[in-house]
């Protein structure tokens, strides 16, 4: 008797395609929660809050069984965290450059003088 040993390869699920094997769910994606909190406090509150909202949605979607939504929320949290980080770095570089060149007080005075004209003055 000859045995015919065929090994069937197990395909790996892609990012958007999950296969449930038995009762084992796919791995939970990264929430980016602590990164979005740091971005909110230190770099850019607007982009940090957007990242926080998406980061909180990862756990709720994952534990509800909506693995695709959890993956999308994780990717959006990562995107907005990076956007907030880059925005914050640019902001701090500009402020430091203005302080080093000595133009910060003059630039702030110019901004204040320009902002004195509002729609309520007309």
PDB file of N, CA and C in Angstrom:
ATOM      1  N   UNK A   1       0.825  -1.182   0.000  1.00  0.00           N
ATOM      2  CA  UNK A   1       0.000   0.000   0.000  1.00  0.00           C
ATOM      3  C   UNK A   1       0.868   1.244   0.000  1.00  0.00           C
ATOM      4  N   UNK A   2       0.531   2.112  -0.843  1.00  0.00           N
ATOM      5  CA  UNK A   2       1.259   3.384  -0.879  1.00  0.00           C
ATOM      6  C   UNK A   2       0.338   4.484  -0.378  1.00  0.00           C
ATOM      7  N   UNK A   3       0.914   5.292   0.465  1.00  0.00           N
ATOM      8  CA  UNK A   3       0.129   6.408   0.994  1.00  0.00           C
ATOM      9  C   UNK A   3       0.449   7.646   0.186  1.00  0.00           C
ATOM     10  N   UNK A   4      -0.553   8.360  -0.091  1.00  0.00           N
ATOM     11  CA  UNK A   4      -0.400   9.584  -0.864  1.00  0.00           C
ATOM     12  C   UNK A   4      -0.506  10.774   0.095  1.00  0.00           C
ATOM     13  N   UNK A   5       0.648  11.273   0.544  1.00  0.00           N
ATOM     14  CA  UNK A   5       0.670  12.375   1.503  1.00  0.00           C
ATOM     15  C   UNK A   5       0.677  13.697   0.755  1.00  0.00           C
ATOM     16  N   UNK A   6      -0.423  14.345   0.779  1.00  0.00           N
ATOM     17  CA  UNK A   6      -0.515  15.679   0.181  1.00  0.00           C
ATOM     18  C   UNK A   6      -0.695  16.689   1.302  1.00  0.00           C
ATOM     19  N   UNK A   7       0.116  17.706   1.261  1.00  0.00           N
ATOM     20  CA  UNK A   7       0.020  18.775   2.249  1.00  0.00           C
ATOM     21  C   UNK A   7      -0.635  19.964   1.558  1.00  0.00           C
ATOM     22  N   UNK A   8      -1.744  20.377   2.094  1.00  0.00           N
ATOM     23  CA  UNK A   8      -2.416  21.538   1.513  1.00  0.00           C
ATOM     24  C   UNK A   8      -1.941  22.779   2.259  1.00  0.00           C
ATOM     25  N   UNK A   9      -1.465  23.766   1.524  1.00  0.00           N
ATOM     26  CA  UNK A   9      -0.981  24.976   2.190  1.00  0.00           C
ATOM     27  C   UNK A   9      -2.143  25.757   2.791  1.00  0.00           C
ATOM     28  N   UNK A  10      -1.875  26.355   3.934  1.00  0.00           N
ATOM     29  CA  UNK A  10      -2.870  27.197   4.593  1.00  0.00           C
ATOM     30  C   UNK A  10      -2.599  28.625   4.150  1.00  0.00           C
ATOM     31  N   UNK A  11      -3.588  29.239   3.566  1.00  0.00           N
ATOM     32  CA  UNK A  11      -3.388  30.607   3.081  1.00  0.00           C
ATOM     33  C   UNK A  11      -3.571  31.582   4.238  1.00  0.00           C
ATOM     34  N   UNK A  12      -2.770  32.603   4.246  1.00  0.00           N
ATOM     35  CA  UNK A  12      -2.852  33.636   5.258  1.00  0.00           C
ATOM     36  C   UNK A  12      -3.922  34.644   4.851  1.00  0.00           C
ATOM     37  N   UNK A  13      -4.766  35.076   5.783  1.00  0.00           N
ATOM     38  CA  UNK A  13      -5.775  36.069   5.428  1.00  0.00           C
ATOM     39  C   UNK A  13      -5.120  37.418   5.180  1.00  0.00           C
ATOM     40  N   UNK A  14      -5.669  38.149   4.225  1.00  0.00           N
ATOM     41  CA  UNK A  14      -5.143  39.481   3.950  1.00  0.00           C
ATOM     42  C   UNK A  14      -5.673  40.452   4.986  1.00  0.00           C
ATOM     43  N   UNK A  15      -5.341  41.729   4.835  1.00  0.00           N
ATOM     44  CA  UNK A  15      -5.776  42.726   5.802  1.00  0.00           C
ATOM     45  C   UNK A  15      -7.295  42.846   5.873  1.00  0.00           C
ATOM     46  N   UNK A  16      -7.968  42.698   4.755  1.00  0.00           N
ATOM     47  CA  UNK A  16      -9.401  42.914   4.708  1.00  0.00           C
ATOM     48  C   UNK A  16     -10.190  41.615   4.654  1.00  0.00           C
ATOM     49  N   UNK A  17      -9.523  40.496   4.701  1.00  0.00           N
ATOM     50  CA  UNK A  17     -10.207  39.219   4.569  1.00  0.00           C
ATOM     51  C   UNK A  17      -9.835  38.346   5.763  1.00  0.00           C
ATOM     52  N   UNK A  18     -10.824  38.028   6.560  1.00  0.00           N
ATOM     53  CA  UNK A  18     -10.580  37.227   7.741  1.00  0.00           C
ATOM     54  C   UNK A  18     -11.268  35.883   7.574  1.00  0.00           C
ATOM     55  N   UNK A  19     -10.618  34.860   8.037  1.00  0.00           N
ATOM     56  CA  UNK A  19     -11.244  33.545   7.998  1.00  0.00           C
ATOM     57  C   UNK A  19     -11.279  33.009   9.418  1.00  0.00           C
ATOM     58  N   UNK A  20     -12.443  32.660   9.834  1.00  0.00           N
ATOM     59  CA  UNK A  20     -12.612  32.106  11.174  1.00  0.00           C
ATOM     60  C   UNK A  20     -12.343  30.607  11.110  1.00  0.00           C
ATOM     61  N   UNK A  21     -11.378  30.154  11.855  1.00  0.00           N
ATOM     62  CA  UNK A  21     -11.077  28.736  11.921  1.00  0.00           C
ATOM     63  C   UNK A  21     -11.495  28.259  13.303  1.00  0.00           C
ATOM     64  N   UNK A  22     -12.628  27.594  13.349  1.00  0.00           N
ATOM     65  CA  UNK A  22     -13.154  27.175  14.637  1.00  0.00           C
ATOM     66  C   UNK A  22     -13.697  28.380  15.380  1.00  0.00           C
ATOM     67  N   UNK A  23     -13.302  28.524  16.626  1.00  0.00           N
ATOM     68  CA  UNK A  23     -13.755  29.644  17.447  1.00  0.00           C
ATOM     69  C   UNK A  23     -12.646  30.662  17.682  1.00  0.00           C
ATOM     70  N   UNK A  24     -11.592  30.605  16.893  1.00  0.00           N
ATOM     71  CA  UNK A  24     -10.457  31.493  17.101  1.00  0.00           C
ATOM     72  C   UNK A  24     -10.619  32.735  16.222  1.00  0.00           C
ATOM     73  N   UNK A  25     -10.795  33.909  16.826  1.00  0.00           N
ATOM     74  CA  UNK A  25     -10.901  35.133  16.029  1.00  0.00           C
ATOM     75  C   UNK A  25      -9.515  35.606  15.601  1.00  0.00           C
ATOM     76  N   UNK A  26      -9.445  36.495  14.621  1.00  0.00           N
ATOM     77  CA  UNK A  26      -8.137  37.028  14.229  1.00  0.00           C
ATOM     78  C   UNK A  26      -7.564  37.908  15.343  1.00  0.00           C
ATOM     79  N   UNK A  27      -6.287  38.198  15.243  1.00  0.00           N
ATOM     80  CA  UNK A  27      -5.642  39.039  16.245  1.00  0.00           C
ATOM     81  C   UNK A  27      -6.260  40.428  16.250  1.00  0.00           C
ATOM     82  N   UNK A  28      -6.342  41.005  17.431  1.00  0.00           N
ATOM     83  CA  UNK A  28      -6.904  42.344  17.561  1.00  0.00           C
ATOM     84  C   UNK A  28      -5.889  43.359  17.031  1.00  0.00           C
ATOM     85  N   UNK A  29      -6.327  44.277  16.167  1.00  0.00           N
ATOM     86  CA  UNK A  29      -5.387  45.281  15.654  1.00  0.00           C
ATOM     87  C   UNK A  29      -4.987  46.263  16.754  1.00  0.00           C
ATOM     88  N   UNK A  30      -3.882  46.945  16.526  1.00  0.00           N
ATOM     89  CA  UNK A  30      -3.387  47.936  17.467  1.00  0.00           C
ATOM     90  C   UNK A  30      -4.398  49.066  17.583  1.00  0.00           C
ATOM     91  N   UNK A  31      -4.624  49.557  18.798  1.00  0.00           N
ATOM     92  CA  UNK A  31      -5.613  50.621  18.989  1.00  0.00           C
ATOM     93  C   UNK A  31      -5.036  52.012  18.769  1.00  0.00           C
ATOM     94  N   UNK A  32      -3.757  52.197  18.936  1.00  0.00           N
ATOM     95  CA  UNK A  32      -3.097  53.499  18.822  1.00  0.00           C
ATOM     96  C   UNK A  32      -3.630  54.483  19.858  1.00  0.00           C
ATOM     97  N   UNK A  33      -4.089  53.959  20.989  1.00  0.00           N
ATOM     98  CA  UNK A  33      -4.716  54.805  21.988  1.00  0.00           C
ATOM     99  C   UNK A  33      -3.705  55.706  22.694  1.00  0.00           C
ATOM    100  N   UNK A  34      -2.640  55.128  23.207  1.00  0.00           N
ATOM    101  CA  UNK A  34      -1.695  55.967  23.944  1.00  0.00           C
ATOM    102  C   UNK A  34      -0.993  56.961  23.018  1.00  0.00           C
ATOM    103  N   UNK A  35      -0.763  56.564  21.758  1.00  0.00           N
ATOM    104  CA  UNK A  35      -0.146  57.485  20.815  1.00  0.00           C
ATOM    105  C   UNK A  35      -1.074  58.669  20.525  1.00  0.00           C
ATOM    106  N   UNK A  36      -2.361  58.402  20.379  1.00  0.00           N
ATOM    107  CA  UNK A  36      -3.293  59.485  20.086  1.00  0.00           C
ATOM    108  C   UNK A  36      -3.477  60.408  21.295  1.00  0.00           C
ATOM    109  N   UNK A  37      -3.358  59.864  22.504  1.00  0.00           N
ATOM    110  CA  UNK A  37      -3.422  60.711  23.699  1.00  0.00           C
ATOM    111  C   UNK A  37      -2.218  61.642  23.749  1.00  0.00           C
ATOM    112  N   UNK A  38      -1.038  61.112  23.466  1.00  0.00           N
ATOM    113  CA  UNK A  38       0.174  61.936  23.458  1.00  0.00           C
ATOM    114  C   UNK A  38       0.080  63.012  22.374  1.00  0.00           C
ATOM    115  N   UNK A  39      -0.418  62.650  21.196  1.00  0.00           N
ATOM    116  CA  UNK A  39      -0.569  63.615  20.106  1.00  0.00           C
ATOM    117  C   UNK A  39      -1.545  64.712  20.514  1.00  0.00           C
ATOM    118  N   UNK A  40      -2.646  64.333  21.174  1.00  0.00           N
ATOM    119  CA  UNK A  40      -3.643  65.318  21.608  1.00  0.00           C
ATOM    120  C   UNK A  40      -3.047  66.299  22.607  1.00  0.00           C
ATOM    121  N   UNK A  41      -2.265  65.797  23.549  1.00  0.00           N
ATOM    122  CA  UNK A  41      -1.725  66.653  24.595  1.00  0.00           C
ATOM    123  C   UNK A  41      -0.514  67.463  24.160  1.00  0.00           C
ATOM    124  N   UNK A  42       0.315  66.916  23.273  1.00  0.00           N
ATOM    125  CA  UNK A  42       1.595  67.554  22.969  1.00  0.00           C
ATOM    126  C   UNK A  42       1.700  68.194  21.598  1.00  0.00           C
ATOM    127  N   UNK A  43       1.000  67.685  20.620  1.00  0.00           N
ATOM    128  CA  UNK A  43       1.244  68.144  19.249  1.00  0.00           C
ATOM    129  C   UNK A  43       0.059  68.888  18.650  1.00  0.00           C
ATOM    130  N   UNK A  44      -1.002  68.181  18.395  1.00  0.00           N
ATOM    131  CA  UNK A  44      -2.121  68.755  17.669  1.00  0.00           C
ATOM    132  C   UNK A  44      -3.434  68.239  18.256  1.00  0.00           C
ATOM    133  N   UNK A  45      -4.133  69.072  19.032  1.00  0.00           N
ATOM    134  CA  UNK A  45      -5.380  68.609  19.649  1.00  0.00           C
ATOM    135  C   UNK A  45      -6.441  68.184  18.637  1.00  0.00           C
ATOM    136  N   UNK A  46      -6.561  68.881  17.537  1.00  0.00           N
ATOM    137  CA  UNK A  46      -7.583  68.543  16.539  1.00  0.00           C
ATOM    138  C   UNK A  46      -7.361  67.147  15.969  1.00  0.00           C
ATOM    139  N   UNK A  47      -6.179  66.895  15.440  1.00  0.00           N
ATOM    140  CA  UNK A  47      -5.892  65.593  14.852  1.00  0.00           C
ATOM    141  C   UNK A  47      -5.813  64.502  15.919  1.00  0.00           C
ATOM    142  N   UNK A  48      -5.389  64.872  17.130  1.00  0.00           N
ATOM    143  CA  UNK A  48      -5.331  63.917  18.216  1.00  0.00           C
ATOM    144  C   UNK A  48      -6.704  63.429  18.635  1.00  0.00           C
ATOM    145  N   UNK A  49      -7.687  64.325  18.649  1.00  0.00           N
ATOM    146  CA  UNK A  49      -9.044  63.926  19.012  1.00  0.00           C
ATOM    147  C   UNK A  49      -9.634  63.010  17.947  1.00  0.00           C
ATOM    148  N   UNK A  50      -9.366  63.316  16.683  1.00  0.00           N
ATOM    149  CA  UNK A  50      -9.840  62.433  15.609  1.00  0.00           C
ATOM    150  C   UNK A  50      -9.213  61.048  15.761  1.00  0.00           C
ATOM    151  N   UNK A  51      -7.928  61.002  16.083  1.00  0.00           N
ATOM    152  CA  UNK A  51      -7.255  59.722  16.297  1.00  0.00           C
ATOM    153  C   UNK A  51      -7.813  59.003  17.521  1.00  0.00           C
ATOM    154  N   UNK A  52      -8.129  59.753  18.577  1.00  0.00           N
ATOM    155  CA  UNK A  52      -8.700  59.157  19.782  1.00  0.00           C
ATOM    156  C   UNK A  52     -10.046  58.501  19.515  1.00  0.00           C
ATOM    157  N   UNK A  53     -10.895  59.172  18.745  1.00  0.00           N
ATOM    158  CA  UNK A  53     -12.210  58.614  18.431  1.00  0.00           C
ATOM    159  C   UNK A  53     -12.054  57.296  17.688  1.00  0.00           C
ATOM    160  N   UNK A  54     -11.147  57.254  16.718  1.00  0.00           N
ATOM    161  CA  UNK A  54     -10.921  56.021  15.970  1.00  0.00           C
ATOM    162  C   UNK A  54     -10.272  54.948  16.841  1.00  0.00           C
ATOM    163  N   UNK A  55      -9.390  55.348  17.738  1.00  0.00           N
ATOM    164  CA  UNK A  55      -8.716  54.384  18.611  1.00  0.00           C
ATOM    165  C   UNK A  55      -9.709  53.710  19.557  1.00  0.00           C
ATOM    166  N   UNK A  56     -10.683  54.457  20.038  1.00  0.00           N
ATOM    167  CA  UNK A  56     -11.679  53.894  20.938  1.00  0.00           C
ATOM    168  C   UNK A  56     -12.601  52.934  20.182  1.00  0.00           C
ATOM    169  N   UNK A  57     -12.824  53.185  18.913  1.00  0.00           N
ATOM    170  CA  UNK A  57     -13.708  52.329  18.119  1.00  0.00           C
ATOM    171  C   UNK A  57     -13.098  50.958  17.831  1.00  0.00           C
ATOM    172  N   UNK A  58     -11.783  50.827  17.922  1.00  0.00           N
ATOM    173  CA  UNK A  58     -11.130  49.555  17.603  1.00  0.00           C
ATOM    174  C   UNK A  58     -11.604  48.456  18.554  1.00  0.00           C
ATOM    175  N   UNK A  59     -11.526  48.697  19.855  1.00  0.00           N
ATOM    176  CA  UNK A  59     -11.920  47.669  20.827  1.00  0.00           C
ATOM    177  C   UNK A  59     -13.397  47.328  20.731  1.00  0.00           C
ATOM    178  N   UNK A  60     -14.244  48.350  20.620  1.00  0.00           N
ATOM    179  CA  UNK A  60     -15.681  48.063  20.596  1.00  0.00           C
ATOM    180  C   UNK A  60     -16.061  47.266  19.346  1.00  0.00           C
ATOM    181  N   UNK A  61     -15.463  47.593  18.200  1.00  0.00           N
ATOM    182  CA  UNK A  61     -15.773  46.852  16.977  1.00  0.00           C
ATOM    183  C   UNK A  61     -15.209  45.427  17.047  1.00  0.00           C
ATOM    184  N   UNK A  62     -14.019  45.288  17.598  1.00  0.00           N
ATOM    185  CA  UNK A  62     -13.407  43.962  17.673  1.00  0.00           C
ATOM    186  C   UNK A  62     -14.213  43.028  18.575  1.00  0.00           C
ATOM    187  N   UNK A  63     -14.581  43.518  19.746  1.00  0.00           N
ATOM    188  CA  UNK A  63     -15.303  42.666  20.683  1.00  0.00           C
ATOM    189  C   UNK A  63     -16.757  42.450  20.270  1.00  0.00           C
ATOM    190  N   UNK A  64     -17.257  43.273  19.344  1.00  0.00           N
ATOM    191  CA  UNK A  64     -18.589  43.039  18.786  1.00  0.00           C
ATOM    192  C   UNK A  64     -18.529  42.031  17.640  1.00  0.00           C
ATOM    193  N   UNK A  65     -17.329  41.660  17.232  1.00  0.00           N
ATOM    194  CA  UNK A  65     -17.167  40.674  16.167  1.00  0.00           C
ATOM    195  C   UNK A  65     -17.010  41.279  14.788  1.00  0.00           C
ATOM    196  N   UNK A  66     -16.966  42.600  14.694  1.00  0.00           N
ATOM    197  CA  UNK A  66     -16.799  43.273  13.401  1.00  0.00           C
ATOM    198  C   UNK A  66     -15.308  43.532  13.201  1.00  0.00           C
ATOM    199  N   UNK A  67     -14.595  42.510  12.748  1.00  0.00           N
ATOM    200  CA  UNK A  67     -13.139  42.573  12.652  1.00  0.00           C
ATOM    201  C   UNK A  67     -12.672  43.512  11.552  1.00  0.00           C
ATOM    202  N   UNK A  68     -13.429  43.614  10.490  1.00  0.00           N
ATOM    203  CA  UNK A  68     -13.052  44.510   9.397  1.00  0.00           C
ATOM    204  C   UNK A  68     -13.165  45.971   9.824  1.00  0.00           C
ATOM    205  N   UNK A  69     -14.219  46.294  10.557  1.00  0.00           N
ATOM    206  CA  UNK A  69     -14.390  47.662  11.063  1.00  0.00           C
ATOM    207  C   UNK A  69     -13.286  47.998  12.062  1.00  0.00           C
ATOM    208  N   UNK A  70     -12.902  47.039  12.890  1.00  0.00           N
ATOM    209  CA  UNK A  70     -11.825  47.261  13.849  1.00  0.00           C
ATOM    210  C   UNK A  70     -10.504  47.530  13.128  1.00  0.00           C
ATOM    211  N   UNK A  71     -10.254  46.821  12.046  1.00  0.00           N
ATOM    212  CA  UNK A  71      -9.038  47.026  11.262  1.00  0.00           C
ATOM    213  C   UNK A  71      -9.039  48.405  10.609  1.00  0.00           C
ATOM    214  N   UNK A  72     -10.190  48.817  10.067  1.00  0.00           N
ATOM    215  CA  UNK A  72     -10.285  50.148   9.445  1.00  0.00           C
ATOM    216  C   UNK A  72     -10.088  51.251  10.481  1.00  0.00           C
ATOM    217  N   UNK A  73     -10.689  51.099  11.649  1.00  0.00           N
ATOM    218  CA  UNK A  73     -10.547  52.099  12.703  1.00  0.00           C
ATOM    219  C   UNK A  73      -9.094  52.188  13.175  1.00  0.00           C
ATOM    220  N   UNK A  74      -8.418  51.058  13.238  1.00  0.00           N
ATOM    221  CA  UNK A  74      -7.008  51.053  13.625  1.00  0.00           C
ATOM    222  C   UNK A  74      -6.151  51.801  12.607  1.00  0.00           C
ATOM    223  N   UNK A  75      -6.426  51.562  11.331  1.00  0.00           N
ATOM    224  CA  UNK A  75      -5.655  52.255  10.291  1.00  0.00           C
ATOM    225  C   UNK A  75      -5.922  53.755  10.304  1.00  0.00           C
ATOM    226  N   UNK A  76      -7.180  54.151  10.549  1.00  0.00           N
ATOM    227  CA  UNK A  76      -7.494  55.580  10.611  1.00  0.00           C
ATOM    228  C   UNK A  76      -6.861  56.229  11.833  1.00  0.00           C
ATOM    229  N   UNK A  77      -6.839  55.524  12.968  1.00  0.00           N
ATOM    230  CA  UNK A  77      -6.199  56.060  14.169  1.00  0.00           C
ATOM    231  C   UNK A  77      -4.706  56.262  13.935  1.00  0.00           C
ATOM    232  N   UNK A  78      -4.086  55.313  13.248  1.00  0.00           N
ATOM    233  CA  UNK A  78      -2.663  55.442  12.918  1.00  0.00           C
ATOM    234  C   UNK A  78      -2.431  56.629  11.993  1.00  0.00           C
ATOM    235  N   UNK A  79      -3.272  56.768  10.973  1.00  0.00           N
ATOM    236  CA  UNK A  79      -3.128  57.869  10.014  1.00  0.00           C
ATOM    237  C   UNK A  79      -3.237  59.222  10.706  1.00  0.00           C
ATOM    238  N   UNK A  80      -4.283  59.405  11.532  1.00  0.00           N
ATOM    239  CA  UNK A  80      -4.478  60.705  12.169  1.00  0.00           C
ATOM    240  C   UNK A  80      -3.439  60.961  13.253  1.00  0.00           C
ATOM    241  N   UNK A  81      -2.917  59.915  13.879  1.00  0.00           N
ATOM    242  CA  UNK A  81      -1.818  60.110  14.831  1.00  0.00           C
ATOM    243  C   UNK A  81      -0.572  60.608  14.116  1.00  0.00           C
ATOM    244  N   UNK A  82      -0.287  60.022  12.968  1.00  0.00           N
ATOM    245  CA  UNK A  82       0.883  60.467  12.200  1.00  0.00           C
ATOM    246  C   UNK A  82       0.694  61.879  11.660  1.00  0.00           C
ATOM    247  N   UNK A  83      -0.497  62.203  11.188  1.00  0.00           N
ATOM    248  CA  UNK A  83      -0.772  63.566  10.698  1.00  0.00           C
ATOM    249  C   UNK A  83      -0.597  64.565  11.836  1.00  0.00           C
ATOM    250  N   UNK A  84      -1.114  64.244  13.014  1.00  0.00           N
ATOM    251  CA  UNK A  84      -0.953  65.120  14.166  1.00  0.00           C
ATOM    252  C   UNK A  84       0.494  65.266  14.588  1.00  0.00           C
ATOM    253  N   UNK A  85       1.253  64.177  14.530  1.00  0.00           N
ATOM    254  CA  UNK A  85       2.674  64.229  14.884  1.00  0.00           C
ATOM    255  C   UNK A  85       3.439  65.116  13.913  1.00  0.00           C
ATOM    256  N   UNK A  86       3.196  64.946  12.633  1.00  0.00           N
ATOM    257  CA  UNK A  86       3.898  65.747  11.625  1.00  0.00           C
ATOM    258  C   UNK A  86       3.524  67.218  11.759  1.00  0.00           C
ATOM    259  N   UNK A  87       2.238  67.495  11.982  1.00  0.00           N
ATOM    260  CA  UNK A  87       1.794  68.883  12.170  1.00  0.00           C
ATOM    261  C   UNK A  87       2.451  69.494  13.399  1.00  0.00           C
ATOM    262  N   UNK A  88       2.507  68.739  14.479  1.00  0.00           N
ATOM    263  CA  UNK A  88       3.140  69.241  15.693  1.00  0.00           C
ATOM    264  C   UNK A  88       4.628  69.503  15.514  1.00  0.00           C
ATOM    265  N   UNK A  89       5.304  68.612  14.809  1.00  0.00           N
ATOM    266  CA  UNK A  89       6.740  68.810  14.566  1.00  0.00           C
ATOM    267  C   UNK A  89       6.968  70.067  13.738  1.00  0.00           C
ATOM    268  N   UNK A  90       6.163  70.253  12.704  1.00  0.00           N
ATOM    269  CA  UNK A  90       6.304  71.461  11.871  1.00  0.00           C
ATOM    270  C   UNK A  90       6.050  72.713  12.708  1.00  0.00           C
ATOM    271  N   UNK A  91       5.022  72.681  13.541  1.00  0.00           N
ATOM    272  CA  UNK A  91       4.702  73.833  14.390  1.00  0.00           C
ATOM    273  C   UNK A  91       5.869  74.161  15.321  1.00  0.00           C
ATOM    274  N   UNK A  92       6.404  73.148  15.998  1.00  0.00           N
ATOM    275  CA  UNK A  92       7.493  73.398  16.933  1.00  0.00           C
ATOM    276  C   UNK A  92       8.768  73.854  16.228  1.00  0.00           C
ATOM    277  N   UNK A  93       9.030  73.340  15.042  1.00  0.00           N
ATOM    278  CA  UNK A  93      10.204  73.785  14.284  1.00  0.00           C
ATOM    279  C   UNK A  93      10.070  75.261  13.918  1.00  0.00           C
ATOM    280  N   UNK A  94       8.883  75.671  13.477  1.00  0.00           N
ATOM    281  CA  UNK A  94       8.669  77.076  13.112  1.00  0.00           C
ATOM    282  C   UNK A  94       8.810  77.975  14.338  1.00  0.00           C
ATOM    283  N   UNK A  95       8.232  77.583  15.463  1.00  0.00           N
ATOM    284  CA  UNK A  95       8.333  78.399  16.678  1.00  0.00           C
ATOM    285  C   UNK A  95       9.776  78.498  17.148  1.00  0.00           C
ATOM    286  N   UNK A  96      10.496  77.390  17.129  1.00  0.00           N
ATOM    287  CA  UNK A  96      11.907  77.424  17.549  1.00  0.00           C
ATOM    288  C   UNK A  96      12.730  78.274  16.590  1.00  0.00           C
ATOM    289  N   UNK A  97      12.471  78.173  15.291  1.00  0.00           N
ATOM    290  CA  UNK A  97      13.197  78.994  14.321  1.00  0.00           C
ATOM    291  C   UNK A  97      12.916  80.473  14.541  1.00  0.00           C
ATOM    292  N   UNK A  98      11.674  80.832  14.846  1.00  0.00           N
ATOM    293  CA  UNK A  98      11.359  82.229  15.115  1.00  0.00           C
ATOM    294  C   UNK A  98      12.008  82.709  16.410  1.00  0.00           C
ATOM    295  N   UNK A  99      12.100  81.844  17.411  1.00  0.00           N
ATOM    296  CA  UNK A  99      12.738  82.243  18.659  1.00  0.00           C
ATOM    297  C   UNK A  99      14.243  82.399  18.482  1.00  0.00           C
ATOM    298  N   UNK A 100      14.850  81.525  17.706  1.00  0.00           N
ATOM    299  CA  UNK A 100      16.304  81.589  17.501  1.00  0.00           C
ATOM    300  C   UNK A 100      16.685  82.836  16.713  1.00  0.00           C
ATOM    301  N   UNK A 101      15.900  83.165  15.700  1.00  0.00           N
ATOM    302  CA  UNK A 101      16.211  84.343  14.890  1.00  0.00           C
ATOM    303  C   UNK A 101      15.827  85.636  15.585  1.00  0.00           C
ATOM    304  N   UNK A 102      15.063  85.562  16.667  1.00  0.00           N
ATOM    305  CA  UNK A 102      14.676  86.760  17.408  1.00  0.00           C
ATOM    306  C   UNK A 102      13.465  87.457  16.839  1.00  0.00           C
ATOM    307  N   UNK A 103      12.767  86.847  15.907  1.00  0.00           N
ATOM    308  CA  UNK A 103      11.614  87.487  15.286  1.00  0.00           C
ATOM    309  C   UNK A 103      10.289  87.101  15.917  1.00  0.00           C
ATOM    310  N   UNK A 104      10.291  86.289  16.951  1.00  0.00           N
ATOM    311  CA  UNK A 104       9.031  85.828  17.518  1.00  0.00           C
ATOM    312  C   UNK A 104       8.191  86.964  18.097  1.00  0.00           C
ATOM    313  N   UNK A 105       8.745  87.868  18.931  1.00  0.00           N
ATOM    314  CA  UNK A 105       7.885  88.947  19.459  1.00  0.00           C
ATOM    315  C   UNK A 105       7.319  89.842  18.352  1.00  0.00           C
ATOM    316  N   UNK A 106       8.134  90.164  17.356  1.00  0.00           N
ATOM    317  CA  UNK A 106       7.650  91.008  16.262  1.00  0.00           C
ATOM    318  C   UNK A 106       6.582  90.292  15.442  1.00  0.00           C
ATOM    319  N   UNK A 107       6.776  89.024  15.214  1.00  0.00           N
ATOM    320  CA  UNK A 107       5.791  88.244  14.447  1.00  0.00           C
ATOM    321  C   UNK A 107       4.488  88.114  15.221  1.00  0.00           C
ATOM    322  N   UNK A 108       4.559  87.901  16.522  1.00  0.00           N
ATOM    323  CA  UNK A 108       3.340  87.821  17.338  1.00  0.00           C
ATOM    324  C   UNK A 108       2.618  89.165  17.355  1.00  0.00           C
ATOM    325  N   UNK A 109       3.356  90.270  17.422  1.00  0.00           N
ATOM    326  CA  UNK A 109       2.740  91.595  17.398  1.00  0.00           C
ATOM    327  C   UNK A 109       2.040  91.836  16.073  1.00  0.00           C
ATOM    328  N   UNK A 110       2.645  91.390  14.978  1.00  0.00           N
ATOM    329  CA  UNK A 110       2.041  91.559  13.656  1.00  0.00           C
ATOM    330  C   UNK A 110       0.743  90.758  13.557  1.00  0.00           C
ATOM    331  N   UNK A 111       0.739  89.563  14.109  1.00  0.00           N
ATOM    332  CA  UNK A 111      -0.466  88.729  14.074  1.00  0.00           C
ATOM    333  C   UNK A 111      -1.583  89.382  14.895  1.00  0.00           C
ATOM    334  N   UNK A 112      -1.232  89.918  16.059  1.00  0.00           N
ATOM    335  CA  UNK A 112      -2.237  90.574  16.901  1.00  0.00           C
ATOM    336  C   UNK A 112      -2.803  91.800  16.209  1.00  0.00           C
ATOM    337  N   UNK A 113      -1.941  92.605  15.576  1.00  0.00           N
ATOM    338  CA  UNK A 113      -2.417  93.812  14.883  1.00  0.00           C
ATOM    339  C   UNK A 113      -3.317  93.465  13.704  1.00  0.00           C
ATOM    340  N   UNK A 114      -3.004  92.396  12.988  1.00  0.00           N
ATOM    341  CA  UNK A 114      -3.837  91.993  11.863  1.00  0.00           C
ATOM    342  C   UNK A 114      -5.177  91.442  12.322  1.00  0.00           C
ATOM    343  N   UNK A 115      -5.224  90.850  13.487  1.00  0.00           N
ATOM    344  CA  UNK A 115      -6.465  90.230  13.943  1.00  0.00           C
ATOM    345  C   UNK A 115      -7.403  91.215  14.626  1.00  0.00           C
ATOM    346  N   UNK A 116      -7.012  92.490  14.747  1.00  0.00           N
ATOM    347  CA  UNK A 116      -7.882  93.459  15.373  1.00  0.00           C
ATOM    348  C   UNK A 116      -9.045  93.841  14.477  1.00  0.00           C
ATOM    349  N   UNK A 117      -8.939  93.577  13.210  1.00  0.00           N
ATOM    350  CA  UNK A 117     -10.027  93.859  12.287  1.00  0.00           C
ATOM    351  C   UNK A 117     -10.940  92.650  12.232  1.00  0.00           C
ATOM    352  N   UNK A 118     -12.109  92.791  12.785  1.00  0.00           N
ATOM    353  CA  UNK A 118     -13.043  91.675  12.735  1.00  0.00           C
ATOM    354  C   UNK A 118     -14.340  92.137  12.093  1.00  0.00           C
ATOM    355  N   UNK A 119     -15.212  91.237  11.847  1.00  0.00           N
ATOM    356  CA  UNK A 119     -16.491  91.545  11.208  1.00  0.00           C
ATOM    357  C   UNK A 119     -17.368  92.383  12.152  1.00  0.00           C
ATOM    358  N   UNK A 120     -17.122  92.304  13.450  1.00  0.00           N
ATOM    359  CA  UNK A 120     -17.942  93.033  14.395  1.00  0.00           C
ATOM    360  C   UNK A 120     -17.602  94.525  14.425  1.00  0.00           C
ATOM    361  N   UNK A 121     -16.469  94.913  13.857  1.00  0.00           N
ATOM    362  CA  UNK A 121     -16.078  96.314  13.818  1.00  0.00           C
ATOM    363  C   UNK A 121     -16.746  97.078  12.684  1.00  0.00           C
ATOM    364  N   UNK A 122     -17.422  96.391  11.787  1.00  0.00           N
ATOM    365  CA  UNK A 122     -18.010  97.057  10.626  1.00  0.00           C
ATOM    366  C   UNK A 122     -19.486  97.212  10.766  1.00  0.00           C
TER     367      UNK A 122
END
